[in-house]
Structures are given as C-alpha cells and as structure tokens.
C-alpha atoms as a PDB file:
ATOM      1  CA  MET A   1      24.139 -16.135  -2.448  1.00  0.00           C
ATOM      2  CA  ILE A   2      24.304 -12.483  -1.832  1.00  0.00           C
ATOM      3  CA  MET A   3      24.298 -10.859  -5.155  1.00  0.00           C
ATOM      4  CA  THR A   4      26.565  -7.741  -5.621  1.00  0.00           C
ATOM      5  CA  THR A   5      25.688  -5.187  -8.403  1.00  0.00           C
ATOM      6  CA  THR A   6      27.689  -2.831 -10.160  1.00  0.00           C
ATOM      7  CA  PRO A   7      27.803   0.928  -9.203  1.00  0.00           C
ATOM      8  CA  SER A   8      26.310   2.129 -13.182  1.00  0.00           C
ATOM      9  CA  ARG A   9      23.993  -0.065 -13.312  1.00  0.00           C
ATOM     10  CA  GLY A  10      22.435  -0.291  -9.633  1.00  0.00           C
ATOM     11  CA  PHE A  11      19.775  -3.161  -8.573  1.00  0.00           C
ATOM     12  CA  GLN A  12      19.054  -4.008 -12.414  1.00  0.00           C
ATOM     13  CA  PRO A  13      20.930  -7.108 -12.386  1.00  0.00           C
ATOM     14  CA  VAL A  14      18.782  -8.253  -9.470  1.00  0.00           C
ATOM     15  CA  LEU A  15      15.717  -7.189 -10.927  1.00  0.00           C
ATOM     16  CA  ASP A  16      16.555  -9.230 -14.220  1.00  0.00           C
ATOM     17  CA  ARG A  17      17.429 -12.633 -12.845  1.00  0.00           C
ATOM     18  CA  ILE A  18      14.035 -12.059 -10.468  1.00  0.00           C
ATOM     19  CA  ALA A  19      12.074 -11.242 -13.758  1.00  0.00           C
ATOM     20  CA  GLU A  20      13.555 -14.608 -15.461  1.00  0.00           C
ATOM     21  CA  GLU A  21      12.932 -16.478 -11.874  1.00  0.00           C
ATOM     22  CA  MET A  22       9.102 -15.497 -12.202  1.00  0.00           C
ATOM     23  CA  GLU A  23       8.554 -15.919 -15.416  1.00  0.00           C
ATOM     24  CA  ARG A  24       9.544 -19.579 -14.829  1.00  0.00           C
ATOM     25  CA  THR A  25       7.300 -19.506 -11.609  1.00  0.00           C
ATOM     26  CA  PRO A  26       3.723 -21.906 -11.909  1.00  0.00           C
ATOM     27  CA  GLY A  27       0.538 -21.006  -9.958  1.00  0.00           C
ATOM     28  CA  ARG A  28       0.411 -17.539 -10.078  1.00  0.00           C
ATOM     29  CA  GLY A  29      -2.719 -17.091  -7.654  1.00  0.00           C
ATOM     30  CA  ARG A  30      -6.003 -15.449  -8.509  1.00  0.00           C
ATOM     31  CA  PRO A  31      -7.532 -11.801  -9.624  1.00  0.00           C
ATOM     32  CA  ALA A  32      -9.760 -10.463  -7.009  1.00  0.00           C
ATOM     33  CA  ASP A  33     -13.098 -11.431  -8.571  1.00  0.00           C
ATOM     34  CA  TYR A  34     -15.448  -9.759  -5.754  1.00  0.00           C
ATOM     35  CA  ILE A  35     -14.391  -6.330  -7.767  1.00  0.00           C
ATOM     36  CA  PRO A  36     -15.757  -7.036 -11.050  1.00  0.00           C
ATOM     37  CA  ALA A  37     -13.210  -4.658 -12.415  1.00  0.00           C
ATOM     38  CA  LEU A  38     -10.366  -6.347 -11.768  1.00  0.00           C
ATOM     39  CA  ALA A  39     -11.399  -9.920 -11.971  1.00  0.00           C
ATOM     40  CA  ALA A  40     -10.279 -10.083 -15.851  1.00  0.00           C
ATOM     41  CA  CYS A  41      -6.884  -8.944 -14.949  1.00  0.00           C
ATOM     42  CA  ASP A  42      -4.299 -11.788 -16.261  1.00  0.00           C
ATOM     43  CA  PRO A  43      -2.711 -13.217 -13.371  1.00  0.00           C
ATOM     44  CA  ARG A  44       0.846 -13.814 -15.468  1.00  0.00           C
ATOM     45  CA  ARG A  45       1.347 -10.300 -15.788  1.00  0.00           C
ATOM     46  CA  PHE A  46       4.788  -9.010 -13.665  1.00  0.00           C
ATOM     47  CA  GLY A  47       6.442  -5.785 -13.231  1.00  0.00           C
ATOM     48  CA  MET A  48       8.615  -4.321 -10.389  1.00  0.00           C
ATOM     49  CA  ALA A  49      10.952  -1.107  -9.429  1.00  0.00           C
ATOM     50  CA  VAL A  50      13.476  -0.546  -7.368  1.00  0.00           C
ATOM     51  CA  ALA A  51      13.971   3.530  -6.692  1.00  0.00           C
ATOM     52  CA  GLU A  52      17.056   5.176  -4.610  1.00  0.00           C
ATOM     53  CA  PRO A  53      16.536   7.847  -2.489  1.00  0.00           C
ATOM     54  CA  ASP A  54      17.845  10.244  -5.033  1.00  0.00           C
ATOM     55  CA  GLY A  55      15.340   9.643  -7.466  1.00  0.00           C
ATOM     56  CA  THR A  56      17.042   6.903  -9.599  1.00  0.00           C
ATOM     57  CA  VAL A  57      14.602   4.347 -10.290  1.00  0.00           C
ATOM     58  CA  TYR A  58      15.038   0.480 -12.112  1.00  0.00           C
ATOM     59  CA  GLY A  59      12.684  -1.524 -13.289  1.00  0.00           C
ATOM     60  CA  VAL A  60      11.409  -4.864 -15.206  1.00  0.00           C
ATOM     61  CA  GLY A  61       8.388  -6.475 -16.678  1.00  0.00           C
ATOM     62  CA  ASP A  62       5.274  -4.281 -16.644  1.00  0.00           C
ATOM     63  CA  TRP A  63       6.866  -1.654 -14.251  1.00  0.00           C
ATOM     64  CA  ARG A  64       5.471   1.685 -15.799  1.00  0.00           C
ATOM     65  CA  GLU A  65       2.276  -0.429 -16.642  1.00  0.00           C
ATOM     66  CA  PRO A  66      -0.510   1.630 -14.743  1.00  0.00           C
ATOM     67  CA  PHE A  67      -2.424  -1.096 -12.188  1.00  0.00           C
ATOM     68  CA  SER A  68      -5.483  -0.227  -9.734  1.00  0.00           C
ATOM     69  CA  THR A  69      -3.865   0.684  -6.615  1.00  0.00           C
ATOM     70  CA  GLN A  70      -6.272  -0.062  -3.900  1.00  0.00           C
ATOM     71  CA  SER A  71      -5.065  -0.620   0.001  1.00  0.00           C
ATOM     72  CA  LEU A  72      -1.504   0.589  -1.306  1.00  0.00           C
ATOM     73  CA  THR A  73      -3.079   3.978  -1.194  1.00  0.00           C
ATOM     74  CA  LYS A  74      -3.576   3.194   2.541  1.00  0.00           C
ATOM     75  CA  VAL A  75       0.101   4.045   3.451  1.00  0.00           C
ATOM     76  CA  PHE A  76      -0.270   7.516   2.029  1.00  0.00           C
ATOM     77  CA  THR A  77      -3.426   8.660   3.272  1.00  0.00           C
ATOM     78  CA  LEU A  78      -2.283   7.767   6.547  1.00  0.00           C
ATOM     79  CA  ALA A  79       1.196   9.700   6.517  1.00  0.00           C
ATOM     80  CA  LEU A  80      -0.886  12.328   5.511  1.00  0.00           C
ATOM     81  CA  ASP A  81      -3.005  12.293   8.519  1.00  0.00           C
ATOM     82  CA  LEU A  82      -0.380  11.857  10.976  1.00  0.00           C
ATOM     83  CA  ALA A  83       1.520  14.836   9.771  1.00  0.00           C
ATOM     84  CA  ARG A  84      -1.641  16.964  10.106  1.00  0.00           C
ATOM     85  CA  GLU A  85      -2.338  15.297  13.553  1.00  0.00           C
ATOM     86  CA  GLY A  86       0.218  13.264  14.902  1.00  0.00           C
ATOM     87  CA  ASP A  87      -0.352  11.352  18.049  1.00  0.00           C
ATOM     88  CA  GLU A  88      -3.977  12.027  18.340  1.00  0.00           C
ATOM     89  CA  LEU A  89      -4.857  10.007  15.338  1.00  0.00           C
ATOM     90  CA  TRP A  90      -4.052   6.780  17.638  1.00  0.00           C
ATOM     91  CA  GLU A  91      -6.611   7.561  19.889  1.00  0.00           C
ATOM     92  CA  HIS A  92      -9.127   7.020  16.940  1.00  0.00           C
ATOM     93  CA  VAL A  93      -7.322   3.304  15.564  1.00  0.00           C
ATOM     94  CA  GLY A  94      -5.146   1.172  16.652  1.00  0.00           C
ATOM     95  CA  ARG A  95      -1.117  -0.230  15.523  1.00  0.00           C
ATOM     96  CA  GLU A  96      -1.706  -3.992  16.720  1.00  0.00           C
ATOM     97  CA  PRO A  97      -1.973  -6.961  13.925  1.00  0.00           C
ATOM     98  CA  SER A  98      -5.703  -7.921  13.784  1.00  0.00           C
ATOM     99  CA  GLY A  99      -5.542 -11.496  12.629  1.00  0.00           C
ATOM    100  CA  ASN A 100      -8.645 -11.569  10.957  1.00  0.00           C
ATOM    101  CA  PRO A 101      -9.303 -10.479   7.268  1.00  0.00           C
ATOM    102  CA  PHE A 102      -9.086  -7.126   6.237  1.00  0.00           C
ATOM    103  CA  ASN A 103     -13.055  -6.477   6.242  1.00  0.00           C
ATOM    104  CA  SER A 104     -13.834  -8.012   9.103  1.00  0.00           C
ATOM    105  CA  LEU A 105     -16.682  -6.720  11.825  1.00  0.00           C
ATOM    106  CA  ILE A 106     -15.173  -8.871  14.231  1.00  0.00           C
ATOM    107  CA  GLN A 107     -13.097  -7.176  16.511  1.00  0.00           C
ATOM    108  CA  LEU A 108     -15.020  -3.557  16.297  1.00  0.00           C
ATOM    109  CA  GLU A 109     -17.760  -4.838  18.451  1.00  0.00           C
ATOM    110  CA  TYR A 110     -15.167  -5.924  21.256  1.00  0.00           C
ATOM    111  CA  GLU A 111     -13.257  -2.833  20.880  1.00  0.00           C
ATOM    112  CA  ASN A 112     -15.822  -0.165  20.961  1.00  0.00           C
ATOM    113  CA  GLY A 113     -15.469   0.953  17.696  1.00  0.00           C
ATOM    114  CA  ILE A 114     -11.885   1.232  17.144  1.00  0.00           C
ATOM    115  CA  PRO A 115     -10.348  -0.546  14.520  1.00  0.00           C
ATOM    116  CA  ARG A 116      -6.793  -2.561  15.378  1.00  0.00           C
ATOM    117  CA  ASN A 117      -4.816  -0.780  12.594  1.00  0.00           C
ATOM    118  CA  PRO A 118      -4.897   1.718   9.723  1.00  0.00           C
ATOM    119  CA  PHE A 119      -4.278  -0.927   7.318  1.00  0.00           C
ATOM    120  CA  ILE A 120      -7.814  -3.155   7.619  1.00  0.00           C
ATOM    121  CA  ASN A 121     -10.680  -1.582   5.724  1.00  0.00           C
ATOM    122  CA  ALA A 122     -11.938  -0.318   9.235  1.00  0.00           C
ATOM    123  CA  GLY A 123      -8.895   1.341   9.838  1.00  0.00           C
ATOM    124  CA  ALA A 124      -8.391   3.206   6.388  1.00  0.00           C
ATOM    125  CA  LEU A 125     -11.629   4.193   6.908  1.00  0.00           C
ATOM    126  CA  VAL A 126     -11.388   6.226  10.032  1.00  0.00           C
ATOM    127  CA  VAL A 127      -7.571   7.763   8.731  1.00  0.00           C
ATOM    128  CA  THR A 128      -9.726   8.991   5.579  1.00  0.00           C
ATOM    129  CA  ASP A 129     -12.626  10.357   7.506  1.00  0.00           C
ATOM    130  CA  ARG A 130     -10.313  11.891   9.741  1.00  0.00           C
ATOM    131  CA  LEU A 131      -7.707  13.513   6.416  1.00  0.00           C
ATOM    132  CA  GLN A 132     -11.311  14.602   4.634  1.00  0.00           C
ATOM    133  CA  THR A 133     -11.929  16.360   7.802  1.00  0.00           C
ATOM    134  CA  ARG A 134      -8.864  18.175   7.964  1.00  0.00           C
ATOM    135  CA  THR A 135      -8.887  18.781   3.861  1.00  0.00           C
ATOM    136  CA  GLY A 136     -12.127  18.753   2.927  1.00  0.00           C
ATOM    137  CA  ASP A 137     -10.976  16.323  -0.291  1.00  0.00           C
ATOM    138  CA  ALA A 138      -9.110  13.557   1.379  1.00  0.00           C
ATOM    139  CA  ALA A 139      -8.692  11.976  -2.160  1.00  0.00           C
ATOM    140  CA  GLY A 140      -7.913  14.793  -3.658  1.00  0.00           C
ATOM    141  CA  GLU A 141      -5.447  15.634  -1.340  1.00  0.00           C
ATOM    142  CA  LEU A 142      -3.579  11.866  -2.194  1.00  0.00           C
ATOM    143  CA  LEU A 143      -3.541  12.556  -5.452  1.00  0.00           C
ATOM    144  CA  GLY A 144      -1.766  15.289  -5.552  1.00  0.00           C
ATOM    145  CA  PHE A 145       0.971  14.266  -3.088  1.00  0.00           C
ATOM    146  CA  LEU A 146       1.369  10.849  -5.106  1.00  0.00           C
ATOM    147  CA  ARG A 147       1.725  13.298  -8.360  1.00  0.00           C
ATOM    148  CA  ALA A 148       4.013  15.310  -6.475  1.00  0.00           C
ATOM    149  CA  GLU A 149       6.015  12.571  -4.924  1.00  0.00           C
ATOM    150  CA  SER A 150       6.535  10.429  -8.485  1.00  0.00           C
ATOM    151  CA  GLY A 151       6.708  13.152 -11.097  1.00  0.00           C
ATOM    152  CA  ASN A 152       3.841  12.020 -12.717  1.00  0.00           C
ATOM    153  CA  PRO A 153       0.926  15.081 -13.410  1.00  0.00           C
ATOM    154  CA  THR A 154      -1.114  12.215 -15.265  1.00  0.00           C
ATOM    155  CA  LEU A 155      -1.469   9.758 -12.014  1.00  0.00           C
ATOM    156  CA  GLY A 156      -5.695   9.701 -11.743  1.00  0.00           C
ATOM    157  CA  PHE A 157      -8.677   7.963 -10.350  1.00  0.00           C
ATOM    158  CA  ASP A 158     -10.320   4.856 -12.384  1.00  0.00           C
ATOM    159  CA  GLU A 159     -13.881   5.860 -12.501  1.00  0.00           C
ATOM    160  CA  GLU A 160     -15.296   2.366 -13.622  1.00  0.00           C
ATOM    161  CA  VAL A 161     -13.281   0.354 -10.585  1.00  0.00           C
ATOM    162  CA  ALA A 162     -14.346   3.047  -8.177  1.00  0.00           C
ATOM    163  CA  ALA A 163     -18.416   2.300  -9.524  1.00  0.00           C
ATOM    164  CA  SER A 164     -17.697  -0.778  -9.293  1.00  0.00           C
ATOM    165  CA  GLU A 165     -16.786  -0.709  -5.465  1.00  0.00           C
ATOM    166  CA  ALA A 166     -19.295   1.439  -4.652  1.00  0.00           C
ATOM    167  CA  ALA A 167     -21.635  -0.797  -6.031  1.00  0.00           C
ATOM    168  CA  HIS A 168     -20.039  -4.234  -4.143  1.00  0.00           C
ATOM    169  CA  GLY A 169     -19.460  -1.992  -0.881  1.00  0.00           C
ATOM    170  CA  ASP A 170     -22.315  -3.198   1.553  1.00  0.00           C
ATOM    171  CA  ARG A 171     -19.641  -4.131   3.897  1.00  0.00           C
ATOM    172  CA  ASN A 172     -17.296  -1.165   4.013  1.00  0.00           C
ATOM    173  CA  ALA A 173     -20.414   0.383   4.631  1.00  0.00           C
ATOM    174  CA  ALA A 174     -21.375  -1.195   7.543  1.00  0.00           C
ATOM    175  CA  LEU A 175     -18.221  -0.769   8.846  1.00  0.00           C
ATOM    176  CA  ALA A 176     -18.463   2.950   8.875  1.00  0.00           C
ATOM    177  CA  HIS A 177     -21.848   2.551  10.253  1.00  0.00           C
ATOM    178  CA  PHE A 178     -21.209   0.539  12.828  1.00  0.00           C
ATOM    179  CA  MET A 179     -17.764   3.316  13.688  1.00  0.00           C
ATOM    180  CA  ALA A 180     -20.067   6.044  13.420  1.00  0.00           C
ATOM    181  CA  SER A 181     -22.494   4.310  16.098  1.00  0.00           C
ATOM    182  CA  TYR A 182     -19.742   4.967  18.168  1.00  0.00           C
ATOM    183  CA  GLY A 183     -18.574   8.445  17.469  1.00  0.00           C
ATOM    184  CA  ASN A 184     -15.437   7.600  15.754  1.00  0.00           C
ATOM    185  CA  ILE A 185     -16.670   8.787  12.028  1.00  0.00           C
ATOM    186  CA  ASP A 186     -16.770  12.719  12.015  1.00  0.00           C
ATOM    187  CA  ASN A 187     -17.901  12.498   8.514  1.00  0.00           C
ATOM    188  CA  PRO A 188     -21.350  11.739   6.793  1.00  0.00           C
ATOM    189  CA  VAL A 189     -20.956   8.038   5.764  1.00  0.00           C
ATOM    190  CA  PRO A 190     -21.634   8.595   1.921  1.00  0.00           C
ATOM    191  CA  VAL A 191     -19.150  11.326   2.102  1.00  0.00           C
ATOM    192  CA  LEU A 192     -16.661   9.227   3.307  1.00  0.00           C
ATOM    193  CA  LEU A 193     -17.517   5.953   1.371  1.00  0.00           C
ATOM    194  CA  ASP A 194     -17.188   8.018  -1.808  1.00  0.00           C
ATOM    195  CA  GLN A 195     -13.275   9.185  -0.682  1.00  0.00           C
ATOM    196  CA  TYR A 196     -12.712   5.674   0.167  1.00  0.00           C
ATOM    197  CA  PHE A 197     -13.543   4.137  -3.113  1.00  0.00           C
ATOM    198  CA  ARG A 198     -12.376   7.180  -4.659  1.00  0.00           C
ATOM    199  CA  GLN A 199      -8.879   6.594  -2.829  1.00  0.00           C
ATOM    200  CA  CYS A 200      -9.053   2.841  -3.466  1.00  0.00           C
ATOM    201  CA  SER A 201      -9.605   3.417  -7.515  1.00  0.00           C
ATOM    202  CA  LEU A 202      -6.268   5.586  -8.249  1.00  0.00           C
ATOM    203  CA  THR A 203      -4.219   4.042 -10.702  1.00  0.00           C
ATOM    204  CA  ALA A 204      -0.365   3.977 -10.999  1.00  0.00           C
ATOM    205  CA  SER A 205       2.530   2.031 -11.787  1.00  0.00           C
ATOM    206  CA  CYS A 206       5.630   0.476 -10.183  1.00  0.00           C
ATOM    207  CA  ALA A 207       7.780   3.199 -10.838  1.00  0.00           C
ATOM    208  CA  ASP A 208       5.146   5.570  -9.653  1.00  0.00           C
ATOM    209  CA  LEU A 209       5.024   3.944  -6.262  1.00  0.00           C
ATOM    210  CA  ALA A 210       8.455   3.394  -5.919  1.00  0.00           C
ATOM    211  CA  LEU A 211       9.157   6.972  -5.999  1.00  0.00           C
ATOM    212  CA  ALA A 212       6.086   8.301  -4.467  1.00  0.00           C
ATOM    213  CA  THR A 213       6.731   6.011  -0.999  1.00  0.00           C
ATOM    214  CA  GLY A 214      10.531   7.429  -1.035  1.00  0.00           C
ATOM    215  CA  PHE A 215       9.840   9.586   2.031  1.00  0.00           C
ATOM    216  CA  LEU A 216       9.443   6.250   3.895  1.00  0.00           C
ATOM    217  CA  ALA A 217      13.293   5.751   3.011  1.00  0.00           C
ATOM    218  CA  ARG A 218      14.243   9.370   3.726  1.00  0.00           C
ATOM    219  CA  HIS A 219      13.214   9.074   6.894  1.00  0.00           C
ATOM    220  CA  GLY A 220      10.026  11.495   6.243  1.00  0.00           C
ATOM    221  CA  VAL A 221      11.641  14.220   4.164  1.00  0.00           C
ATOM    222  CA  ARG A 222      10.031  14.229   0.422  1.00  0.00           C
ATOM    223  CA  ALA A 223      11.006  14.404  -3.115  1.00  0.00           C
ATOM    224  CA  ASP A 224      11.631  18.434  -2.918  1.00  0.00           C
ATOM    225  CA  GLY A 225      13.861  18.380   0.223  1.00  0.00           C
ATOM    226  CA  THR A 226      10.667  19.140   2.842  1.00  0.00           C
ATOM    227  CA  ARG A 227       9.637  16.887   5.943  1.00  0.00           C
ATOM    228  CA  LEU A 228       5.725  15.339   5.509  1.00  0.00           C
ATOM    229  CA  LEU A 229       6.880  13.313   8.548  1.00  0.00           C
ATOM    230  CA  THR A 230       9.435  13.530  11.565  1.00  0.00           C
ATOM    231  CA  GLY A 231      11.656  11.190  11.230  1.00  0.00           C
ATOM    232  CA  SER A 232       9.895   9.091  14.553  1.00  0.00           C
ATOM    233  CA  GLN A 233       6.756   9.367  12.463  1.00  0.00           C
ATOM    234  CA  ALA A 234       8.493   7.401   9.710  1.00  0.00           C
ATOM    235  CA  LYS A 235       9.417   4.727  11.413  1.00  0.00           C
ATOM    236  CA  GLN A 236       5.933   4.407  13.161  1.00  0.00           C
ATOM    237  CA  VAL A 237       4.708   4.248   9.694  1.00  0.00           C
ATOM    238  CA  ASN A 238       7.037   1.835   8.239  1.00  0.00           C
ATOM    239  CA  ALA A 239       6.584  -0.483  11.732  1.00  0.00           C
ATOM    240  CA  VAL A 240       2.605  -0.778  11.369  1.00  0.00           C
ATOM    241  CA  MET A 241       3.376  -1.117   7.666  1.00  0.00           C
ATOM    242  CA  LEU A 242       5.846  -4.174   8.971  1.00  0.00           C
ATOM    243  CA  THR A 243       3.599  -6.020  11.170  1.00  0.00           C
ATOM    244  CA  CYS A 244       0.044  -4.832   9.824  1.00  0.00           C
ATOM    245  CA  GLY A 245       0.095  -4.412   6.202  1.00  0.00           C
ATOM    246  CA  THR A 246      -0.460  -7.414   4.734  1.00  0.00           C
ATOM    247  CA  TYR A 247      -3.286  -8.731   6.612  1.00  0.00           C
ATOM    248  CA  ASP A 248      -3.254 -11.867   8.229  1.00  0.00           C
ATOM    249  CA  ALA A 249      -0.219 -13.156   6.620  1.00  0.00           C
ATOM    250  CA  ALA A 250       1.918 -10.316   8.369  1.00  0.00           C
ATOM    251  CA  GLY A 251       4.323 -12.626   9.817  1.00  0.00           C
ATOM    252  CA  GLU A 252       4.341 -14.744   6.821  1.00  0.00           C
ATOM    253  CA  PHE A 253       5.497 -11.622   4.818  1.00  0.00           C
ATOM    254  CA  ALA A 254       8.299 -10.488   7.250  1.00  0.00           C
ATOM    255  CA  TYR A 255       9.389 -13.922   8.162  1.00  0.00           C
ATOM    256  CA  ARG A 256       9.976 -14.408   4.061  1.00  0.00           C
ATOM    257  CA  VAL A 257      11.009 -10.789   3.100  1.00  0.00           C
ATOM    258  CA  GLY A 258      11.839  -8.876   5.903  1.00  0.00           C
ATOM    259  CA  LEU A 259      10.891  -5.741   5.058  1.00  0.00           C
ATOM    260  CA  PRO A 260       7.954  -3.043   6.029  1.00  0.00           C
ATOM    261  CA  GLY A 261       5.541  -3.498   3.286  1.00  0.00           C
ATOM    262  CA  LYS A 262       1.638  -2.927   1.992  1.00  0.00           C
ATOM    263  CA  SER A 263      -0.105  -5.092  -0.596  1.00  0.00           C
ATOM    264  CA  GLY A 264      -3.467  -4.110  -2.249  1.00  0.00           C
ATOM    265  CA  VAL A 265      -5.986  -6.424  -4.195  1.00  0.00           C
ATOM    266  CA  GLY A 266      -5.568  -5.177  -7.294  1.00  0.00           C
ATOM    267  CA  GLY A 267      -2.087  -7.131  -7.272  1.00  0.00           C
ATOM    268  CA  GLY A 268       0.262  -4.544  -5.968  1.00  0.00           C
ATOM    269  CA  ILE A 269       2.923  -4.463  -3.615  1.00  0.00           C
ATOM    270  CA  ILE A 270       5.087  -1.356  -1.689  1.00  0.00           C
ATOM    271  CA  ALA A 271       8.188  -2.233   0.319  1.00  0.00           C
ATOM    272  CA  VAL A 272      10.257  -0.049   2.173  1.00  0.00           C
ATOM    273  CA  VAL A 273      14.779  -0.179   2.814  1.00  0.00           C
ATOM    274  CA  PRO A 274      14.772   2.871   5.358  1.00  0.00           C
ATOM    275  CA  GLY A 275      17.706   4.716   3.754  1.00  0.00           C
ATOM    276  CA  ARG A 276      18.534   2.296   1.384  1.00  0.00           C
ATOM    277  CA  CYS A 277      15.365   2.065  -1.694  1.00  0.00           C
ATOM    278  CA  THR A 278      11.960   1.413  -2.062  1.00  0.00           C
ATOM    279  CA  LEU A 279      10.477  -1.106  -3.991  1.00  0.00           C
ATOM    280  CA  CYS A 280       6.484  -1.706  -5.914  1.00  0.00           C
ATOM    281  CA  VAL A 281       6.031  -4.781  -7.333  1.00  0.00           C
ATOM    282  CA  TRP A 282       2.678  -5.734  -9.471  1.00  0.00           C
ATOM    283  CA  SER A 283       1.645  -9.207  -9.917  1.00  0.00           C
ATOM    284  CA  PRO A 284      -2.499  -9.386 -10.007  1.00  0.00           C
ATOM    285  CA  GLY A 285      -2.778 -13.109  -9.361  1.00  0.00           C
ATOM    286  CA  LEU A 286      -3.596 -13.444  -5.506  1.00  0.00           C
ATOM    287  CA  ASP A 287      -3.168 -15.511  -2.243  1.00  0.00           C
ATOM    288  CA  GLU A 288      -6.610 -16.709  -0.139  1.00  0.00           C
ATOM    289  CA  ARG A 289      -5.405 -13.572   2.412  1.00  0.00           C
ATOM    290  CA  GLY A 290      -5.098 -11.301  -0.525  1.00  0.00           C
ATOM    291  CA  ASN A 291      -1.448 -10.844  -1.237  1.00  0.00           C
ATOM    292  CA  SER A 292       0.181 -11.109  -4.860  1.00  0.00           C
ATOM    293  CA  VAL A 293       1.818 -14.307  -5.463  1.00  0.00           C
ATOM    294  CA  ALA A 294       4.512 -13.221  -7.638  1.00  0.00           C
ATOM    295  CA  GLY A 295       4.714 -10.174  -5.642  1.00  0.00           C
ATOM    296  CA  VAL A 296       5.749 -11.757  -2.336  1.00  0.00           C
ATOM    297  CA  ALA A 297       7.739 -14.052  -3.708  1.00  0.00           C
ATOM    298  CA  ALA A 298      10.003 -11.421  -5.829  1.00  0.00           C
ATOM    299  CA  LEU A 299      10.695  -9.559  -2.692  1.00  0.00           C
ATOM    300  CA  ASP A 300      11.202 -12.753  -0.625  1.00  0.00           C
ATOM    301  CA  ARG A 301      14.086 -13.036  -3.522  1.00  0.00           C
ATOM    302  CA  PHE A 302      15.475  -9.590  -3.393  1.00  0.00           C
ATOM    303  CA  THR A 303      15.920  -9.540  -0.273  1.00  0.00           C
ATOM    304  CA  THR A 304      17.590 -12.739  -0.769  1.00  0.00           C
ATOM    305  CA  LEU A 305      19.937 -11.858  -3.586  1.00  0.00           C
ATOM    306  CA  THR A 306      21.016  -8.646  -2.131  1.00  0.00           C
ATOM    307  CA  GLY A 307      21.538  -9.083   1.550  1.00  0.00           C
ATOM    308  CA  VAL A 308      19.092  -6.576   1.875  1.00  0.00           C
ATOM    309  CA  SER A 309      16.427  -5.926   4.976  1.00  0.00           C
ATOM    310  CA  VAL A 310      15.599  -4.299   7.955  1.00  0.00           C
ATOM    311  CA  PHE A 311      16.567  -7.683  10.139  1.00  0.00           C
END
C-alpha cells in the first residue's frame, strides 16, 4: 500500500507509523561488542530523520540523539577526496562489491594492494590517506564539512571511542601496512591510523546526518548553494553506496530498500533518494554482517509505504 502525506506535514506521518511498527518488533540484534565503547549501547534505541533538499527535516524517536557514526563518515571522506582529485582516485581503489567482511584481508594480496571499494576498511583507509595528503588534516576537513552541511557547529569527535578503536585496531593496522607495501599508502601508517580512528569516532544525530548527506540528493550541490561534486561524481558516489554501502549484504539491502545507502557499526544508516530527500536511521542492534537490524527494517518500510525508490 502506498501511503500519501499531506503537504504541511511532509514525511512525518510515515515516520510516525514506522516508529510505531519498530516499537512492536522483537529481535533488534546486538551492539558492536568488538569496540568496547559501543558494546553498552541499548539495542532498543531508535531514531529516524528525513531531510528534503531545501533543508526541511522530519524526525521521530531518538532522531536528535548523537551516536557514533563509524563507517557512515566514509561517504563524506570519499566525496571530499573525489572533489579534489577526480578520477585519479579510482586508480587506487576499486568500485566493485567485495563479497567479504568489511575488515577482510583476503582480496588485497590477490589484487596487489588495491581495495575493492571505498567502503570496506581497506578502501576507506586509502581514501583517508589521500585526503590527508591533500589537506594535512583529513579528520578536521571531514568535521568542518559535516558542521557546515548539518548546520550544527557542536559536532565533534568522541575521544573515548577513538582510543578504544586504536587499542583494538590491529586488523586496520595490518591492512594499512599491507597496502603500504604495495605503494598504495602515502602517509606514515601511524598518522593514517590516527586520522582514520578519529574520523570513525565522530558523533552526530540522525538529523545532522540526514542534512549533511543532502548534497547527494542535490546532485553534488552543498547546503550553501556551492558545488562540491559534479552531477556525474554525485551519481558515482550514490552508485557505489548502492552496490557496496552495506558490505557483503549490499544485494539484500538493494532488494529490500532500493536506495543508495551506507551503514556503520554504531547502528546508523544513511540513504539517498536523488532529487527528493536523504534519510538517516539509528538503532544500535546489529545483524551478523554489521548492519542495524531495525535500521534496515525501517528503511524497507519507508520505501514500501511511500513508493519512493531508485527502482
């Protein structure tokens, strides 16, 4: 059934209905326990926001509650670097689904240190490294961008989460050193890892992230009307989100939700309807592939109830 909404309330009736359904849904998964700072999160928490291209935002539940963004930031660092170096980036990272867990080392040796895509950890490390080379402070560049696009100057990094990730970051260090051995990392690995862990520790709310992702719905145009990406580059980012944004569950996500999306192990998912709106949903309980159980279900209901999809 397609649910229509009144112009004055926009997407709010749909969000209210989804929140009611999620409240009755059992089995919310488990928080990411391999990052101690995230393990204590309540899997029953739920928030969802929708932002229209003009900056109008609708929300429900814990939509203004800051949470650990984790891999959601990979979308923004990709866009920031792509804006600077264009197609040269794709010589260092691929655009294909990996079919393996997000922190896998397996394919790197077969493919000479070139990660499959920018959203697995190896690929995100390469993108962060290249943004660090071009800006001298990749994490700071990311933070400034998100503050500007969300309109929230209080966004910041969670030093406890960053320290927790650094203390349990041996796999990421191995990925970085392995790629460095193939000449695909420019900066010293400790510098890169510090930037990467800070990037992943950024905290923001569903409202902040729905607004910050708006440039992808506006075909590359930022909130202030300036252009970050060309229309073609915005299409590229959305395409990679659709095919690679939820790790080795990307096919299932496309099947159920039908939108470009990116998940993070903090329980957040951002999604884009080009030309129409951007969404962010948060619920900390994850499935075995690292995606929010309630988040995927909520986005599934959103596209079902509204009929809004890229398909």
